[in-house]
Amino acid sequence: MKTYLFDFDGTLVDSMPSFIAGVLKVLDSHSVKYNDDIIKIITPLGFLGTAEYFIKEFNLDYGGEELVEIFKANMRDEYFYRIPAKNNVIKTLKALKERGASLNVLTASPHVTLDACLKRLEVFDLFDNVWSCDDFATTKADPEIYKSVAKKLNKKTQEVLFLDDNIFANQTAKKADMKSCGVYDESSKDMVEEMKEACDYYIFDFNELLDLEF
C-alpha cells in the first residue's frame, strides 16, 4: 500500500495568495519592510512559527498567540468559502484512494481553517489522517515532525512520499529520510529547477501522481 503525505496550502488547494495576503497584511499595516524571500522562509513555519518569526525579526509588539488569531481572522472567510482545490487534485485523490493508497495531510495551517476547507471541498473523508503542525508542537522546518508522522503511520520514513510546494519543507523531509515530491505552484514558479534538484520527484499537475512509482 502506497502512503502519501500531502502539504495543504499550495499543494492541495490554491490558497497561497490568500495565505500570503493574510500574514503580510500584518506587516503592511505596520509599514514594515521585508525581503522578497519572506514567503519561502515562513511557509514551513506554521502560524505560530510565523508569528514568532515576525515578532523577533520585525520587533512587533504582539504575543505569539495574539498574532496567530489575527492571521486566522485575516484568512478565515477565504478558507471557509472561496479557496478552490488545485487542478485535478480531487480527481487524483479519489483515484489513489480507489487503488488502496493511504492518503494523509501534514500542514502548517491550523485545524480551524484546514478542516473547514477540506470538508467544503468534500475530500476530508478521503484522508486517513489530517494533521496540523499544531498537533506535533513543532513545524515542518523540524526533521523530527516527519519521523513522528511515519511512526504514527507505522511506516519507515523512506516508505512515505511527502508532497509540498515549498523547497525548504521538501529538503527537511529528506533530512528525515522521507521521499519527497515537489509540487508546482505559482508562488514558487521561480524555484522549479531548484525544486527538481532538491526532490526525488517533481510534478506540475496532480494527475502525474497516477503514473509516479516510488
Protein backbone atom coordinates (compact mmCIF):
# COMPACT_ATOMS: atom_id res chain seq x y z
CA MET A 1 0.00 0.00 0.00
CA LYS A 2 1.47 3.34 -1.04
CA THR A 3 1.50 6.04 1.61
CA TYR A 4 1.23 9.71 0.68
CA LEU A 5 1.73 12.71 2.96
CA PHE A 6 0.39 15.92 1.44
CA ASP A 7 1.00 19.51 2.32
CA PHE A 8 -2.18 21.59 2.14
CA ASP A 9 -1.55 25.21 1.13
CA GLY A 10 -0.21 25.47 -2.42
CA THR A 11 -0.25 21.68 -2.80
CA LEU A 12 -3.85 20.50 -2.43
CA VAL A 13 -5.52 23.91 -2.60
CA ASP A 14 -4.84 27.14 -4.42
CA SER A 15 -4.53 29.12 -1.21
CA MET A 16 -1.09 30.69 -1.29
CA PRO A 17 -2.37 34.11 -2.46
CA SER A 18 -4.79 34.14 0.50
CA PHE A 19 -2.15 32.89 2.95
CA ILE A 20 0.39 35.43 1.75
CA ALA A 21 -2.12 38.30 1.89
CA GLY A 22 -3.30 37.25 5.35
CA VAL A 23 0.12 37.23 7.00
CA LEU A 24 1.68 40.14 5.13
CA LYS A 25 -1.33 42.30 5.96
CA VAL A 26 0.05 42.49 9.49
CA LEU A 27 3.44 43.73 8.32
CA ASP A 28 1.93 46.12 5.81
CA SER A 29 -0.36 47.60 8.46
CA HIS A 30 2.78 48.49 10.46
CA SER A 31 4.67 49.77 7.38
CA VAL A 32 7.30 47.06 7.90
CA LYS A 33 9.78 46.50 5.07
CA TYR A 34 10.63 42.88 4.23
CA ASN A 35 12.63 40.96 1.63
CA ASP A 36 11.20 39.13 -1.39
CA ASP A 37 12.14 35.73 0.09
CA ILE A 38 9.96 36.12 3.18
CA ILE A 39 7.25 33.72 1.95
CA LYS A 40 9.79 30.95 1.32
CA ILE A 41 11.02 31.45 4.87
CA ILE A 42 7.70 31.45 6.70
CA THR A 43 5.69 28.88 4.71
CA PRO A 44 7.10 25.81 6.57
CA LEU A 45 6.85 27.50 9.98
CA GLY A 46 3.12 27.31 10.64
CA PHE A 47 1.03 30.14 12.05
CA LEU A 48 2.72 30.24 15.46
CA GLY A 49 6.20 29.88 13.96
CA THR A 50 5.44 32.72 11.54
CA ALA A 51 4.10 34.86 14.38
CA GLU A 52 7.23 34.24 16.43
CA TYR A 53 9.42 34.99 13.41
CA PHE A 54 7.59 38.28 12.77
CA ILE A 55 7.81 39.31 16.43
CA LYS A 56 11.54 38.60 16.62
CA GLU A 57 12.57 39.75 13.14
CA PHE A 58 10.45 42.91 12.97
CA ASN A 59 10.12 43.72 16.67
CA LEU A 60 6.33 43.63 16.60
CA ASP A 61 4.57 44.35 19.87
CA TYR A 62 2.35 41.24 19.97
CA GLY A 63 2.22 37.96 21.80
CA GLY A 64 2.58 34.88 19.61
CA GLU A 65 -0.94 33.56 20.14
CA GLU A 66 -2.38 37.06 19.71
CA LEU A 67 -0.75 37.39 16.29
CA VAL A 68 -1.90 33.90 15.29
CA GLU A 69 -5.50 34.93 15.94
CA ILE A 70 -5.02 37.96 13.70
CA PHE A 71 -3.69 35.73 10.91
CA LYS A 72 -6.70 33.44 11.26
CA ALA A 73 -9.15 36.33 11.18
CA ASN A 74 -7.48 37.72 8.05
CA MET A 75 -7.86 34.41 6.21
CA ARG A 76 -10.92 32.79 7.72
CA ASP A 77 -13.51 33.68 5.09
CA GLU A 78 -11.25 32.68 2.21
CA TYR A 79 -10.74 29.16 3.59
CA PHE A 80 -14.34 28.77 4.68
CA TYR A 81 -15.97 29.91 1.46
CA ARG A 82 -13.72 30.57 -1.52
CA ILE A 83 -10.36 28.77 -1.80
CA PRO A 84 -10.53 26.07 -4.53
CA ALA A 85 -8.73 22.77 -4.92
CA LYS A 86 -5.85 22.86 -7.36
CA ASN A 87 -6.22 21.39 -10.82
CA ASN A 88 -7.02 17.64 -10.88
CA VAL A 89 -6.47 17.29 -7.10
CA ILE A 90 -9.91 15.90 -6.21
CA LYS A 91 -10.00 13.54 -9.18
CA THR A 92 -6.50 12.24 -8.43
CA LEU A 93 -7.11 11.78 -4.70
CA LYS A 94 -10.20 9.71 -5.43
CA ALA A 95 -8.29 7.57 -7.95
CA LEU A 96 -5.43 6.96 -5.49
CA LYS A 97 -7.92 6.05 -2.78
CA GLU A 98 -9.59 3.55 -5.10
CA ARG A 99 -6.17 1.95 -5.60
CA GLY A 100 -5.93 1.43 -1.83
CA ALA A 101 -3.40 4.17 -1.10
CA SER A 102 -3.11 5.75 2.33
CA LEU A 103 -3.69 9.49 1.99
CA ASN A 104 -2.62 11.87 4.75
CA VAL A 105 -2.17 15.60 5.30
CA LEU A 106 0.54 17.48 7.20
CA THR A 107 0.28 21.24 7.07
CA ALA A 108 1.25 24.41 8.85
CA SER A 109 -2.37 25.58 8.70
CA PRO A 110 -4.49 25.28 11.86
CA HIS A 111 -7.43 22.89 12.02
CA VAL A 112 -9.99 25.69 12.15
CA THR A 113 -9.30 26.63 8.51
CA LEU A 114 -7.79 23.34 7.31
CA ASP A 115 -10.69 21.07 8.26
CA ALA A 116 -13.35 23.51 7.12
CA CYS A 117 -11.77 23.89 3.69
CA LEU A 118 -11.30 20.16 3.11
CA LYS A 119 -14.87 19.45 4.21
CA ARG A 120 -16.27 22.15 1.92
CA LEU A 121 -14.34 20.59 -0.98
CA GLU A 122 -15.75 17.18 0.06
CA VAL A 123 -12.36 15.48 0.34
CA PHE A 124 -11.84 15.42 4.12
CA ASP A 125 -13.05 11.81 4.38
CA LEU A 126 -10.58 10.64 1.72
CA PHE A 127 -7.73 11.11 4.19
CA ASP A 128 -6.70 8.62 6.84
CA ASN A 129 -5.16 11.44 8.88
CA VAL A 130 -5.38 15.21 8.68
CA TRP A 131 -2.59 16.73 10.77
CA SER A 132 -1.70 20.30 11.54
CA CYS A 133 1.79 21.10 12.81
CA ASP A 134 -0.06 22.21 15.94
CA ASP A 135 -0.69 18.51 16.65
CA PHE A 136 3.06 17.94 16.98
CA ALA A 137 4.03 21.20 18.71
CA THR A 138 6.70 21.83 16.09
CA THR A 139 6.99 22.90 12.44
CA LYS A 140 7.80 21.40 9.05
CA ALA A 141 11.23 23.01 9.41
CA ASP A 142 11.98 20.30 12.01
CA PRO A 143 13.01 16.84 10.67
CA GLU A 144 11.51 15.22 13.76
CA ILE A 145 7.97 16.00 12.64
CA TYR A 146 8.35 13.69 9.63
CA LYS A 147 9.75 10.92 11.81
CA SER A 148 6.82 11.33 14.20
CA VAL A 149 4.33 11.13 11.32
CA ALA A 150 5.96 7.97 9.95
CA LYS A 151 5.78 6.40 13.39
CA LYS A 152 2.07 7.20 13.65
CA LEU A 153 1.58 5.62 10.21
CA ASN A 154 3.54 2.52 11.27
CA LYS A 155 5.88 3.13 8.34
CA LYS A 156 9.56 3.76 7.88
CA THR A 157 10.17 7.33 6.74
CA GLN A 158 11.51 6.09 3.39
CA GLU A 159 8.20 4.32 2.76
CA VAL A 160 6.29 7.62 2.75
CA LEU A 161 6.10 10.10 -0.13
CA PHE A 162 5.87 13.70 1.06
CA LEU A 163 4.49 16.30 -1.36
CA ASP A 164 4.94 20.04 -0.89
CA ASP A 165 5.24 23.17 -3.00
CA ASN A 166 7.90 24.60 -0.65
CA ILE A 167 11.54 23.70 -1.24
CA PHE A 168 12.53 24.07 2.42
CA ALA A 169 9.84 21.67 3.62
CA ASN A 170 10.90 19.13 1.00
CA GLN A 171 14.55 19.46 1.97
CA THR A 172 13.70 18.96 5.63
CA ALA A 173 11.62 15.87 4.86
CA LYS A 174 14.59 14.41 3.00
CA LYS A 175 16.78 15.06 6.05
CA ALA A 176 14.38 12.73 7.86
CA ASP A 177 14.94 10.14 5.09
CA MET A 178 11.45 10.63 3.67
CA LYS A 179 10.97 10.62 -0.09
CA SER A 180 9.89 14.00 -1.40
CA CYS A 181 7.94 15.27 -4.38
CA GLY A 182 7.92 18.93 -5.32
CA VAL A 183 4.59 20.34 -6.48
CA TYR A 184 4.34 23.27 -8.86
CA ASP A 185 2.66 26.40 -7.56
CA GLU A 186 2.61 29.93 -8.94
CA SER A 187 4.07 31.19 -5.66
CA SER A 188 7.25 29.13 -6.21
CA LYS A 189 7.46 29.18 -10.02
CA ASP A 190 10.93 30.72 -9.87
CA MET A 191 12.15 27.69 -7.88
CA VAL A 192 11.23 24.88 -10.30
CA GLU A 193 14.76 23.85 -11.26
CA GLU A 194 15.97 24.07 -7.66
CA MET A 195 12.99 22.00 -6.55
CA LYS A 196 13.72 19.35 -9.14
CA GLU A 197 17.29 19.06 -7.85
CA ALA A 198 16.23 19.01 -4.20
CA CYS A 199 13.40 16.46 -4.52
CA ASP A 200 13.16 12.84 -5.60
CA TYR A 201 10.26 13.73 -7.90
CA TYR A 202 8.53 16.84 -9.24
CA ILE A 203 5.04 17.28 -10.68
CA PHE A 204 3.41 20.18 -12.50
CA ASP A 205 -0.10 18.72 -12.33
CA PHE A 206 -1.64 16.36 -9.78
CA ASN A 207 -2.67 13.79 -12.38
CA GLU A 208 1.04 12.99 -12.84
CA LEU A 209 0.85 11.22 -9.47
CA LEU A 210 -1.13 8.40 -11.05
CA ASP A 211 1.92 7.37 -13.08
CA LEU A 212 4.55 8.07 -10.41
CA GLU A 213 6.26 4.99 -8.98
CA PHE A 214 8.06 5.11 -5.64
